[in-house]
Each structure stands twice: as structure tokens, then as C-alpha cells.
């Protein structure tokens, strides 16, 4: 791959400033997916997310967050991760630094204010303090934080136990993922005219990994590159191509641990985009091998 030169982004950069982000896009001199576009035979009708499509969407992100050997949603995952985000837990890797673990625990306590949610109750002060704490690094840092210093040393064992023993806790995780990461992007989905389930799934996965700011910047950059969006009449598949390119370059720009997650783009591109499977035909989707993350295709079905 050609060398990509990092360009610093101003802290106040906003999605509307397409020109600034286009400079970063043009630095990706060797985009590995060039010339692989399938036929753009995309219907213009709506693609509402069925329960099956939601299941596939959640499973795609689960695979990326928990590894290609994951079988079902890995609710009991919990560890200190080397990305300066403290503890990551659950099937989409909620984090202590971002406050998403706190959100899950708050929802669990609210829905089940009894002994079943006691583990969350006892860690609540520490989780509140961890949300946006000074020791939480910025994107791209690769540091494992010893959370025992901050009152969360035994948190993971208790999270895992709750996930293994209480289906209600897992239901809370699932609902929190939908409310926090799909519900919050509905305005963007509407703004850009996105209707295809696969494209919604890609935006959802981007939000899980990079947050609303990252998603907004990538969507804006994709629109700049494609000279339009589905909202202006561009085919859904063509915008997905531009979106994947923008996300690929964004991850390179972040560097650090994020530059090692390009497989999230490659597997989706080769397995879903190249086949034109925007609607999860036959209630399934395929993530393609990238040679490092996985050497075999992964079929996700519902």
C-alpha cells in the first residue's frame, strides 16, 4: 500500500467542511478496492429494517468487535483493551471511557431495581467517574488502563457472570445498542436518504466504532467524493462505495489501533458491497476474508 501522509484536523472541524476532509481522502493514493464496483441495479423503493435485518446488522458488528469466530452475540465479553478506553464489554464493546457501559448499567438498574442489578449498583460511582475521565485517551492511542486503580478491578468478572446468568441483562444490552447507536443516527440516515439495510448496517457499525462525530465526517466526505448522496438521487450502492472509501481513509488518518481495523471495511466491501447485497437477500450477508482478520468467508444469517 502506498504511504499515506497524515494531515492534522482542526478540533472544530464539522461535517459541512467537505473541502478540509477531501484533502485527506486524496492522500489515499492506492485505494485497494478500485475498479471492483458491481452493476448498479439498485431499486429506489424503501428498505425498512425487519427483525431479521436488525439481527444481521447486530451480528456484523459483533463479529468485528469480538472476532470472526464469534457464535451469536457475545454478551459476556469484558476486558481492559489497549485503546485508552478503559474497559470494553458486551457484544458491541461498550466502554467505560465513553460512558456506554454506564448507560447499560443505568438501564439495567432502572428496569430491574433489585438484587439482579446489584453488580451495576455497586460499581455505579466508579462508572460515573470513568465516563470521560482524564486518563481516557483520544482516538488512536494504544494504552491499556489498569482499571483496578479506579474502583473497577472486579467489574469484568461480574459483568460476565450477569451475562451468563441473566437473560434480562442481555436484553438490556441489545436494546441499549439499538437506542444508543441506531436510534441516534436516524437523523443522518434521513438526511442522506439512506434506505438500504446494508448501508444502514454500515453506518451503524461506523457509529459503534467511531461515534457520531466520526460517522458525520465520513458521511460528509462520502457525499463530497460521490458528488451527491441518495437524498440527491445517487444510487445507494454508489454512495456505499464512497462511504467505505471515506471510512477506510479516516481509519488510516487516525492511526494507532484504529489503523489496524481496516478489516472492518475490507470484509464488508468484498462480501456485501461487491455482491450488491444491499437488502440482505435470502436473509443473510457474507463478510469476506481479508487475509489477516479471517482467511475464510463468514456467513451471517437470521
C-alpha atoms as a PDB file:
ATOM      1  CA  UNK A   1       0.000   0.000   0.000  1.00  0.00           C
ATOM      2  CA  UNK A   2       1.267   3.473  -0.793  1.00  0.00           C
ATOM      3  CA  UNK A   3       2.357   5.668   2.086  1.00  0.00           C
ATOM      4  CA  UNK A   4      -0.411   7.846   3.476  1.00  0.00           C
ATOM      5  CA  UNK A   5       0.665  11.195   4.836  1.00  0.00           C
ATOM      6  CA  UNK A   6      -1.185  12.279   7.985  1.00  0.00           C
ATOM      7  CA  UNK A   7      -2.890  15.663   7.907  1.00  0.00           C
ATOM      8  CA  UNK A   8      -3.947  17.196  11.207  1.00  0.00           C
ATOM      9  CA  UNK A   9      -7.629  18.023  11.546  1.00  0.00           C
ATOM     10  CA  UNK A  10      -8.696  21.135  13.379  1.00  0.00           C
ATOM     11  CA  UNK A  11     -10.630  20.436  16.608  1.00  0.00           C
ATOM     12  CA  UNK A  12     -13.605  22.448  15.378  1.00  0.00           C
ATOM     13  CA  UNK A  13     -13.898  20.576  12.099  1.00  0.00           C
ATOM     14  CA  UNK A  14     -17.543  19.926  11.257  1.00  0.00           C
ATOM     15  CA  UNK A  15     -19.223  17.760   8.602  1.00  0.00           C
ATOM     16  CA  UNK A  16     -20.100  20.723   6.400  1.00  0.00           C
ATOM     17  CA  UNK A  17     -16.438  21.474   5.760  1.00  0.00           C
ATOM     18  CA  UNK A  18     -16.095  18.973   2.925  1.00  0.00           C
ATOM     19  CA  UNK A  19     -13.092  20.687   1.449  1.00  0.00           C
ATOM     20  CA  UNK A  20     -10.969  20.037   4.528  1.00  0.00           C
ATOM     21  CA  UNK A  21     -11.721  16.343   4.629  1.00  0.00           C
ATOM     22  CA  UNK A  22     -11.347  15.936   0.853  1.00  0.00           C
ATOM     23  CA  UNK A  23      -7.657  16.686   1.262  1.00  0.00           C
ATOM     24  CA  UNK A  24      -7.339  13.617   3.469  1.00  0.00           C
ATOM     25  CA  UNK A  25      -9.265  11.484   1.012  1.00  0.00           C
ATOM     26  CA  UNK A  26      -6.947  12.348  -1.832  1.00  0.00           C
ATOM     27  CA  UNK A  27      -3.960  11.140   0.181  1.00  0.00           C
ATOM     28  CA  UNK A  28      -5.182   7.552  -0.099  1.00  0.00           C
ATOM     29  CA  UNK A  29      -3.272   7.042  -3.332  1.00  0.00           C
ATOM     30  CA  UNK A  30      -3.831   3.314  -3.527  1.00  0.00           C
ATOM     31  CA  UNK A  31      -7.370   2.508  -2.553  1.00  0.00           C
ATOM     32  CA  UNK A  32      -7.425  -1.333  -2.679  1.00  0.00           C
ATOM     33  CA  UNK A  33     -10.997  -1.576  -3.962  1.00  0.00           C
ATOM     34  CA  UNK A  34     -10.663   0.459  -7.180  1.00  0.00           C
ATOM     35  CA  UNK A  35     -12.454  -0.953 -10.190  1.00  0.00           C
ATOM     36  CA  UNK A  36     -14.492  -3.526  -8.296  1.00  0.00           C
ATOM     37  CA  UNK A  37     -17.926  -1.923  -8.454  1.00  0.00           C
ATOM     38  CA  UNK A  38     -20.810  -4.294  -9.249  1.00  0.00           C
ATOM     39  CA  UNK A  39     -23.644  -3.368 -11.535  1.00  0.00           C
ATOM     40  CA  UNK A  40     -25.648  -0.527 -10.017  1.00  0.00           C
ATOM     41  CA  UNK A  41     -29.014  -2.205 -10.384  1.00  0.00           C
ATOM     42  CA  UNK A  42     -30.446  -0.768  -7.199  1.00  0.00           C
ATOM     43  CA  UNK A  43     -34.151  -0.365  -6.571  1.00  0.00           C
ATOM     44  CA  UNK A  44     -35.348   3.000  -5.384  1.00  0.00           C
ATOM     45  CA  UNK A  45     -38.010   1.587  -3.069  1.00  0.00           C
ATOM     46  CA  UNK A  46     -37.681   1.738   0.701  1.00  0.00           C
ATOM     47  CA  UNK A  47     -35.773  -0.894   2.672  1.00  0.00           C
ATOM     48  CA  UNK A  48     -37.350  -0.976   6.147  1.00  0.00           C
ATOM     49  CA  UNK A  49     -35.350  -2.931   8.697  1.00  0.00           C
ATOM     50  CA  UNK A  50     -37.102  -6.123   9.648  1.00  0.00           C
ATOM     51  CA  UNK A  51     -36.209  -8.027  12.798  1.00  0.00           C
ATOM     52  CA  UNK A  52     -34.097 -10.319  10.643  1.00  0.00           C
ATOM     53  CA  UNK A  53     -32.208  -7.388   9.104  1.00  0.00           C
ATOM     54  CA  UNK A  54     -31.624  -5.905  12.553  1.00  0.00           C
ATOM     55  CA  UNK A  55     -30.273  -9.265  13.692  1.00  0.00           C
ATOM     56  CA  UNK A  56     -27.838  -9.378  10.758  1.00  0.00           C
ATOM     57  CA  UNK A  57     -26.764  -5.796  11.429  1.00  0.00           C
ATOM     58  CA  UNK A  58     -26.028  -6.565  15.090  1.00  0.00           C
ATOM     59  CA  UNK A  59     -24.188  -9.770  14.198  1.00  0.00           C
ATOM     60  CA  UNK A  60     -21.953  -7.979  11.687  1.00  0.00           C
ATOM     61  CA  UNK A  61     -20.740  -5.541  14.322  1.00  0.00           C
ATOM     62  CA  UNK A  62     -20.456  -8.343  16.871  1.00  0.00           C
ATOM     63  CA  UNK A  63     -18.098 -10.170  14.510  1.00  0.00           C
ATOM     64  CA  UNK A  64     -15.897  -7.113  14.153  1.00  0.00           C
ATOM     65  CA  UNK A  65     -15.885  -6.360  17.871  1.00  0.00           C
ATOM     66  CA  UNK A  66     -15.422  -9.888  19.209  1.00  0.00           C
ATOM     67  CA  UNK A  67     -13.610 -11.755  16.459  1.00  0.00           C
ATOM     68  CA  UNK A  68     -14.526 -13.835  13.408  1.00  0.00           C
ATOM     69  CA  UNK A  69     -15.100 -16.991  15.432  1.00  0.00           C
ATOM     70  CA  UNK A  70     -17.967 -15.431  17.377  1.00  0.00           C
ATOM     71  CA  UNK A  71     -21.081 -17.596  17.563  1.00  0.00           C
ATOM     72  CA  UNK A  72     -24.088 -15.403  18.262  1.00  0.00           C
ATOM     73  CA  UNK A  73     -23.921 -12.127  20.147  1.00  0.00           C
ATOM     74  CA  UNK A  74     -21.120 -12.214  22.726  1.00  0.00           C
ATOM     75  CA  UNK A  75     -22.839 -10.560  25.663  1.00  0.00           C
ATOM     76  CA  UNK A  76     -20.327 -11.792  28.250  1.00  0.00           C
ATOM     77  CA  UNK A  77     -17.218 -10.238  26.696  1.00  0.00           C
ATOM     78  CA  UNK A  78     -15.376  -7.887  29.072  1.00  0.00           C
ATOM     79  CA  UNK A  79     -11.742  -6.778  29.272  1.00  0.00           C
ATOM     80  CA  UNK A  80      -9.336  -3.879  29.580  1.00  0.00           C
ATOM     81  CA  UNK A  81      -8.442  -3.064  25.983  1.00  0.00           C
ATOM     82  CA  UNK A  82      -5.267  -1.404  24.595  1.00  0.00           C
ATOM     83  CA  UNK A  83      -7.026   1.625  23.130  1.00  0.00           C
ATOM     84  CA  UNK A  84      -7.076   4.007  26.092  1.00  0.00           C
ATOM     85  CA  UNK A  85     -10.814   3.468  26.522  1.00  0.00           C
ATOM     86  CA  UNK A  86     -10.648   1.616  29.826  1.00  0.00           C
ATOM     87  CA  UNK A  87     -12.958  -1.392  29.951  1.00  0.00           C
ATOM     88  CA  UNK A  88     -14.749  -2.687  26.861  1.00  0.00           C
ATOM     89  CA  UNK A  89     -17.679  -5.011  27.426  1.00  0.00           C
ATOM     90  CA  UNK A  90     -20.600  -6.679  25.702  1.00  0.00           C
ATOM     91  CA  UNK A  91     -21.320  -7.652  22.133  1.00  0.00           C
ATOM     92  CA  UNK A  92     -20.543  -4.209  20.734  1.00  0.00           C
ATOM     93  CA  UNK A  93     -17.817  -3.431  23.250  1.00  0.00           C
ATOM     94  CA  UNK A  94     -19.466  -0.727  25.317  1.00  0.00           C
ATOM     95  CA  UNK A  95     -16.683   1.268  27.015  1.00  0.00           C
ATOM     96  CA  UNK A  96     -16.166   2.840  30.413  1.00  0.00           C
ATOM     97  CA  UNK A  97     -14.470   5.933  28.994  1.00  0.00           C
ATOM     98  CA  UNK A  98     -17.275   6.720  26.551  1.00  0.00           C
ATOM     99  CA  UNK A  99     -19.928   6.162  29.199  1.00  0.00           C
ATOM    100  CA  UNK A 100     -21.711   3.459  27.228  1.00  0.00           C
ATOM    101  CA  UNK A 101     -21.125   0.855  29.959  1.00  0.00           C
ATOM    102  CA  UNK A 102     -22.604   3.354  32.398  1.00  0.00           C
ATOM    103  CA  UNK A 103     -25.617   3.698  30.105  1.00  0.00           C
ATOM    104  CA  UNK A 104     -26.164  -0.081  30.066  1.00  0.00           C
ATOM    105  CA  UNK A 105     -25.924  -0.237  33.853  1.00  0.00           C
ATOM    106  CA  UNK A 106     -28.293   2.705  34.304  1.00  0.00           C
ATOM    107  CA  UNK A 107     -30.851   0.998  32.057  1.00  0.00           C
ATOM    108  CA  UNK A 108     -30.400  -2.302  33.893  1.00  0.00           C
ATOM    109  CA  UNK A 109     -30.867  -0.681  37.301  1.00  0.00           C
ATOM    110  CA  UNK A 110     -33.909   1.255  36.068  1.00  0.00           C
ATOM    111  CA  UNK A 111     -35.588  -1.820  34.591  1.00  0.00           C
ATOM    112  CA  UNK A 112     -34.638  -4.229  37.397  1.00  0.00           C
ATOM    113  CA  UNK A 113     -34.051  -2.276  40.649  1.00  0.00           C
ATOM    114  CA  UNK A 114     -33.394  -5.384  42.672  1.00  0.00           C
ATOM    115  CA  UNK A 115     -30.689  -7.877  43.543  1.00  0.00           C
ATOM    116  CA  UNK A 116     -30.316  -8.838  39.876  1.00  0.00           C
ATOM    117  CA  UNK A 117     -28.765  -5.470  39.040  1.00  0.00           C
ATOM    118  CA  UNK A 118     -26.723  -5.212  42.239  1.00  0.00           C
ATOM    119  CA  UNK A 119     -23.396  -5.558  40.478  1.00  0.00           C
ATOM    120  CA  UNK A 120     -24.154  -2.431  38.458  1.00  0.00           C
ATOM    121  CA  UNK A 121     -25.358  -0.577  41.546  1.00  0.00           C
ATOM    122  CA  UNK A 122     -22.142  -1.210  43.474  1.00  0.00           C
ATOM    123  CA  UNK A 123     -19.971  -0.013  40.573  1.00  0.00           C
ATOM    124  CA  UNK A 124     -22.111   2.994  39.694  1.00  0.00           C
ATOM    125  CA  UNK A 125     -19.890   5.666  41.352  1.00  0.00           C
ATOM    126  CA  UNK A 126     -16.765   4.266  39.662  1.00  0.00           C
ATOM    127  CA  UNK A 127     -18.502   4.076  36.275  1.00  0.00           C
ATOM    128  CA  UNK A 128     -19.704   7.656  36.614  1.00  0.00           C
ATOM    129  CA  UNK A 129     -16.149   8.777  37.406  1.00  0.00           C
ATOM    130  CA  UNK A 130     -14.764   6.772  34.461  1.00  0.00           C
ATOM    131  CA  UNK A 131     -17.059   8.449  31.947  1.00  0.00           C
ATOM    132  CA  UNK A 132     -14.792  10.896  30.105  1.00  0.00           C
ATOM    133  CA  UNK A 133     -12.085  10.696  32.786  1.00  0.00           C
ATOM    134  CA  UNK A 134      -8.773  12.472  32.222  1.00  0.00           C
ATOM    135  CA  UNK A 135      -6.960   9.165  31.765  1.00  0.00           C
ATOM    136  CA  UNK A 136      -9.115   8.303  28.758  1.00  0.00           C
ATOM    137  CA  UNK A 137      -7.051   8.814  25.623  1.00  0.00           C
ATOM    138  CA  UNK A 138      -8.012  10.234  22.278  1.00  0.00           C
ATOM    139  CA  UNK A 139      -8.651   8.137  19.166  1.00  0.00           C
ATOM    140  CA  UNK A 140      -5.618   6.210  18.023  1.00  0.00           C
ATOM    141  CA  UNK A 141      -3.856   5.850  21.375  1.00  0.00           C
ATOM    142  CA  UNK A 142      -2.876   2.301  22.298  1.00  0.00           C
ATOM    143  CA  UNK A 143      -2.667   2.113  26.075  1.00  0.00           C
ATOM    144  CA  UNK A 144      -4.203  -0.453  28.415  1.00  0.00           C
ATOM    145  CA  UNK A 145      -5.504   1.269  31.536  1.00  0.00           C
ATOM    146  CA  UNK A 146      -5.359  -0.613  34.844  1.00  0.00           C
ATOM    147  CA  UNK A 147      -8.948  -0.053  35.937  1.00  0.00           C
ATOM    148  CA  UNK A 148      -8.342  -1.589  39.366  1.00  0.00           C
ATOM    149  CA  UNK A 149      -6.846   1.789  40.246  1.00  0.00           C
ATOM    150  CA  UNK A 150     -10.223   3.377  39.605  1.00  0.00           C
ATOM    151  CA  UNK A 151     -12.521   1.051  41.506  1.00  0.00           C
ATOM    152  CA  UNK A 152     -13.332  -1.314  38.622  1.00  0.00           C
ATOM    153  CA  UNK A 153     -10.905  -4.142  39.262  1.00  0.00           C
ATOM    154  CA  UNK A 154     -13.594  -6.816  39.686  1.00  0.00           C
ATOM    155  CA  UNK A 155     -16.061  -5.316  37.239  1.00  0.00           C
ATOM    156  CA  UNK A 156     -15.408  -7.665  34.312  1.00  0.00           C
ATOM    157  CA  UNK A 157     -15.906 -10.873  36.267  1.00  0.00           C
ATOM    158  CA  UNK A 158     -19.265  -9.601  37.494  1.00  0.00           C
ATOM    159  CA  UNK A 159     -20.338  -8.347  34.050  1.00  0.00           C
ATOM    160  CA  UNK A 160     -19.520 -11.770  32.599  1.00  0.00           C
ATOM    161  CA  UNK A 161     -21.438 -13.514  35.371  1.00  0.00           C
ATOM    162  CA  UNK A 162     -24.511 -11.328  34.789  1.00  0.00           C
ATOM    163  CA  UNK A 163     -24.399 -12.012  31.050  1.00  0.00           C
ATOM    164  CA  UNK A 164     -24.062 -15.746  31.633  1.00  0.00           C
ATOM    165  CA  UNK A 165     -26.902 -15.954  34.147  1.00  0.00           C
ATOM    166  CA  UNK A 166     -29.466 -13.229  33.424  1.00  0.00           C
ATOM    167  CA  UNK A 167     -31.188 -13.033  30.019  1.00  0.00           C
ATOM    168  CA  UNK A 168     -32.709  -9.718  31.097  1.00  0.00           C
ATOM    169  CA  UNK A 169     -29.248  -8.184  31.303  1.00  0.00           C
ATOM    170  CA  UNK A 170     -28.517  -9.291  27.754  1.00  0.00           C
ATOM    171  CA  UNK A 171     -31.837  -7.886  26.558  1.00  0.00           C
ATOM    172  CA  UNK A 172     -30.831  -4.567  28.128  1.00  0.00           C
ATOM    173  CA  UNK A 173     -27.537  -4.681  26.232  1.00  0.00           C
ATOM    174  CA  UNK A 174     -29.332  -5.311  22.947  1.00  0.00           C
ATOM    175  CA  UNK A 175     -31.870  -2.550  23.476  1.00  0.00           C
ATOM    176  CA  UNK A 176     -29.173  -0.116  24.571  1.00  0.00           C
ATOM    177  CA  UNK A 177     -27.210  -0.856  21.400  1.00  0.00           C
ATOM    178  CA  UNK A 178     -30.271  -0.155  19.266  1.00  0.00           C
ATOM    179  CA  UNK A 179     -31.276   3.007  21.114  1.00  0.00           C
ATOM    180  CA  UNK A 180     -27.764   4.352  21.519  1.00  0.00           C
ATOM    181  CA  UNK A 181     -26.227   3.512  18.169  1.00  0.00           C
ATOM    182  CA  UNK A 182     -29.073   3.045  15.693  1.00  0.00           C
ATOM    183  CA  UNK A 183     -31.627   5.455  17.122  1.00  0.00           C
ATOM    184  CA  UNK A 184     -29.069   8.247  17.327  1.00  0.00           C
ATOM    185  CA  UNK A 185     -28.174   8.007  13.645  1.00  0.00           C
ATOM    186  CA  UNK A 186     -31.719   8.122  12.284  1.00  0.00           C
ATOM    187  CA  UNK A 187     -31.438  11.873  11.545  1.00  0.00           C
ATOM    188  CA  UNK A 188     -28.304  11.202   9.457  1.00  0.00           C
ATOM    189  CA  UNK A 189     -29.964   8.267   7.720  1.00  0.00           C
ATOM    190  CA  UNK A 190     -32.850  10.560   6.786  1.00  0.00           C
ATOM    191  CA  UNK A 191     -30.553  13.457   5.829  1.00  0.00           C
ATOM    192  CA  UNK A 192     -28.636  11.342   3.325  1.00  0.00           C
ATOM    193  CA  UNK A 193     -31.667   9.428   2.032  1.00  0.00           C
ATOM    194  CA  UNK A 194     -30.372   6.025   3.135  1.00  0.00           C
ATOM    195  CA  UNK A 195     -32.860   3.171   2.884  1.00  0.00           C
ATOM    196  CA  UNK A 196     -30.798   0.044   2.109  1.00  0.00           C
ATOM    197  CA  UNK A 197     -30.375  -2.275   5.117  1.00  0.00           C
ATOM    198  CA  UNK A 198     -26.714  -2.947   4.299  1.00  0.00           C
ATOM    199  CA  UNK A 199     -25.942   0.759   4.157  1.00  0.00           C
ATOM    200  CA  UNK A 200     -27.768   1.351   7.427  1.00  0.00           C
ATOM    201  CA  UNK A 201     -25.739  -1.512   8.916  1.00  0.00           C
ATOM    202  CA  UNK A 202     -22.509   0.099   7.696  1.00  0.00           C
ATOM    203  CA  UNK A 203     -23.454   3.443   9.247  1.00  0.00           C
ATOM    204  CA  UNK A 204     -24.416   1.683  12.478  1.00  0.00           C
ATOM    205  CA  UNK A 205     -21.087  -0.147  12.627  1.00  0.00           C
ATOM    206  CA  UNK A 206     -19.248   3.115  11.976  1.00  0.00           C
ATOM    207  CA  UNK A 207     -21.127   4.788  14.828  1.00  0.00           C
ATOM    208  CA  UNK A 208     -20.242   1.945  17.181  1.00  0.00           C
ATOM    209  CA  UNK A 209     -16.557   2.204  16.328  1.00  0.00           C
ATOM    210  CA  UNK A 210     -16.070   5.930  15.726  1.00  0.00           C
ATOM    211  CA  UNK A 211     -19.041   7.706  17.276  1.00  0.00           C
ATOM    212  CA  UNK A 212     -21.395  10.278  15.802  1.00  0.00           C
ATOM    213  CA  UNK A 213     -18.618  12.747  15.051  1.00  0.00           C
ATOM    214  CA  UNK A 214     -16.665  10.218  13.036  1.00  0.00           C
ATOM    215  CA  UNK A 215     -19.786   8.977  11.277  1.00  0.00           C
ATOM    216  CA  UNK A 216     -20.849  12.519  10.386  1.00  0.00           C
ATOM    217  CA  UNK A 217     -17.437  13.367   8.962  1.00  0.00           C
ATOM    218  CA  UNK A 218     -17.287  10.173   6.924  1.00  0.00           C
ATOM    219  CA  UNK A 219     -20.819  10.640   5.548  1.00  0.00           C
ATOM    220  CA  UNK A 220     -19.993  14.208   4.576  1.00  0.00           C
ATOM    221  CA  UNK A 221     -16.734  13.165   2.930  1.00  0.00           C
ATOM    222  CA  UNK A 222     -18.519  10.363   1.046  1.00  0.00           C
ATOM    223  CA  UNK A 223     -21.047  12.845  -0.305  1.00  0.00           C
ATOM    224  CA  UNK A 224     -18.244  15.157  -1.404  1.00  0.00           C
ATOM    225  CA  UNK A 225     -16.412  12.331  -3.158  1.00  0.00           C
ATOM    226  CA  UNK A 226     -19.521  10.928  -4.856  1.00  0.00           C
ATOM    227  CA  UNK A 227     -20.833  14.403  -5.705  1.00  0.00           C
ATOM    228  CA  UNK A 228     -24.130  13.597  -4.091  1.00  0.00           C
ATOM    229  CA  UNK A 229     -25.993  11.153  -1.866  1.00  0.00           C
ATOM    230  CA  UNK A 230     -29.123   9.025  -2.110  1.00  0.00           C
ATOM    231  CA  UNK A 231     -31.029  12.096  -0.938  1.00  0.00           C
ATOM    232  CA  UNK A 232     -29.996  13.845  -4.175  1.00  0.00           C
ATOM    233  CA  UNK A 233     -30.679  10.843  -6.398  1.00  0.00           C
ATOM    234  CA  UNK A 234     -27.387   8.953  -6.167  1.00  0.00           C
ATOM    235  CA  UNK A 235     -27.802   5.148  -6.114  1.00  0.00           C
ATOM    236  CA  UNK A 236     -27.481   3.655  -2.647  1.00  0.00           C
ATOM    237  CA  UNK A 237     -24.708   1.336  -3.814  1.00  0.00           C
ATOM    238  CA  UNK A 238     -22.622   4.113  -5.295  1.00  0.00           C
ATOM    239  CA  UNK A 239     -22.787   6.098  -2.066  1.00  0.00           C
ATOM    240  CA  UNK A 240     -21.864   2.975  -0.100  1.00  0.00           C
ATOM    241  CA  UNK A 241     -18.710   2.722  -2.200  1.00  0.00           C
ATOM    242  CA  UNK A 242     -17.809   6.350  -1.424  1.00  0.00           C
ATOM    243  CA  UNK A 243     -18.664   5.816   2.251  1.00  0.00           C
ATOM    244  CA  UNK A 244     -16.383   2.778   2.522  1.00  0.00           C
ATOM    245  CA  UNK A 245     -13.563   4.707   0.863  1.00  0.00           C
ATOM    246  CA  UNK A 246     -14.014   7.599   3.286  1.00  0.00           C
ATOM    247  CA  UNK A 247     -14.097   5.285   6.307  1.00  0.00           C
ATOM    248  CA  UNK A 248     -11.001   3.424   5.098  1.00  0.00           C
ATOM    249  CA  UNK A 249      -9.091   6.680   4.804  1.00  0.00           C
ATOM    250  CA  UNK A 250     -10.431   8.010   8.094  1.00  0.00           C
ATOM    251  CA  UNK A 251      -9.086   4.951   9.926  1.00  0.00           C
ATOM    252  CA  UNK A 252      -5.689   5.431   8.295  1.00  0.00           C
ATOM    253  CA  UNK A 253      -5.730   9.061   9.357  1.00  0.00           C
ATOM    254  CA  UNK A 254      -6.494   8.164  12.987  1.00  0.00           C
ATOM    255  CA  UNK A 255      -3.586   5.759  13.046  1.00  0.00           C
ATOM    256  CA  UNK A 256      -2.672   3.720  16.113  1.00  0.00           C
ATOM    257  CA  UNK A 257      -5.046   0.897  16.983  1.00  0.00           C
ATOM    258  CA  UNK A 258      -7.637   2.224  14.534  1.00  0.00           C
ATOM    259  CA  UNK A 259      -5.349   1.758  11.533  1.00  0.00           C
ATOM    260  CA  UNK A 260      -5.304  -1.934  12.422  1.00  0.00           C
ATOM    261  CA  UNK A 261      -9.074  -2.231  11.950  1.00  0.00           C
ATOM    262  CA  UNK A 262      -9.189  -1.774   8.174  1.00  0.00           C
ATOM    263  CA  UNK A 263     -10.591  -5.301   8.017  1.00  0.00           C
ATOM    264  CA  UNK A 264     -13.953  -3.822   9.051  1.00  0.00           C
ATOM    265  CA  UNK A 265     -14.035  -2.024   5.714  1.00  0.00           C
ATOM    266  CA  UNK A 266     -12.428  -4.745   3.581  1.00  0.00           C
ATOM    267  CA  UNK A 267     -14.643  -7.596   4.805  1.00  0.00           C
ATOM    268  CA  UNK A 268     -17.805  -5.522   4.313  1.00  0.00           C
ATOM    269  CA  UNK A 269     -16.690  -4.209   0.934  1.00  0.00           C
ATOM    270  CA  UNK A 270     -15.772  -7.541  -0.610  1.00  0.00           C
ATOM    271  CA  UNK A 271     -18.562  -9.553   0.997  1.00  0.00           C
ATOM    272  CA  UNK A 272     -21.518  -7.174   0.783  1.00  0.00           C
ATOM    273  CA  UNK A 273     -20.759  -4.216  -1.491  1.00  0.00           C
ATOM    274  CA  UNK A 274     -19.142  -6.179  -4.325  1.00  0.00           C
ATOM    275  CA  UNK A 275     -22.054  -8.608  -4.436  1.00  0.00           C
ATOM    276  CA  UNK A 276     -24.581  -5.769  -4.359  1.00  0.00           C
ATOM    277  CA  UNK A 277     -26.339  -7.406  -1.401  1.00  0.00           C
ATOM    278  CA  UNK A 278     -27.924  -4.217  -0.130  1.00  0.00           C
ATOM    279  CA  UNK A 279     -31.088  -5.927   1.081  1.00  0.00           C
ATOM    280  CA  UNK A 280     -29.545  -8.957   2.804  1.00  0.00           C
ATOM    281  CA  UNK A 281     -31.050 -11.245   0.186  1.00  0.00           C
ATOM    282  CA  UNK A 282     -32.159 -14.670   1.438  1.00  0.00           C
ATOM    283  CA  UNK A 283     -31.869 -13.299   4.977  1.00  0.00           C
ATOM    284  CA  UNK A 284     -28.111 -13.465   5.006  1.00  0.00           C
ATOM    285  CA  UNK A 285     -24.920 -11.498   4.458  1.00  0.00           C
ATOM    286  CA  UNK A 286     -21.329 -12.550   3.890  1.00  0.00           C
ATOM    287  CA  UNK A 287     -18.206 -10.968   5.332  1.00  0.00           C
ATOM    288  CA  UNK A 288     -15.272 -11.699   3.048  1.00  0.00           C
ATOM    289  CA  UNK A 289     -11.820 -12.848   4.174  1.00  0.00           C
ATOM    290  CA  UNK A 290      -9.133 -10.171   4.190  1.00  0.00           C
ATOM    291  CA  UNK A 291      -6.148 -12.443   4.753  1.00  0.00           C
ATOM    292  CA  UNK A 292      -5.441 -11.297   8.307  1.00  0.00           C
ATOM    293  CA  UNK A 293      -8.613 -10.849  10.337  1.00  0.00           C
ATOM    294  CA  UNK A 294     -10.050 -14.008   8.803  1.00  0.00           C
ATOM    295  CA  UNK A 295      -8.990 -16.289   5.981  1.00  0.00           C
ATOM    296  CA  UNK A 296     -12.459 -17.686   5.347  1.00  0.00           C
ATOM    297  CA  UNK A 297     -15.796 -16.117   4.479  1.00  0.00           C
ATOM    298  CA  UNK A 298     -18.290 -15.643   7.303  1.00  0.00           C
ATOM    299  CA  UNK A 299     -21.958 -16.111   6.519  1.00  0.00           C
ATOM    300  CA  UNK A 300     -24.362 -14.331   8.840  1.00  0.00           C
ATOM    301  CA  UNK A 301     -27.999 -15.357   8.759  1.00  0.00           C
ATOM    302  CA  UNK A 302     -31.176 -14.991  10.761  1.00  0.00           C
END
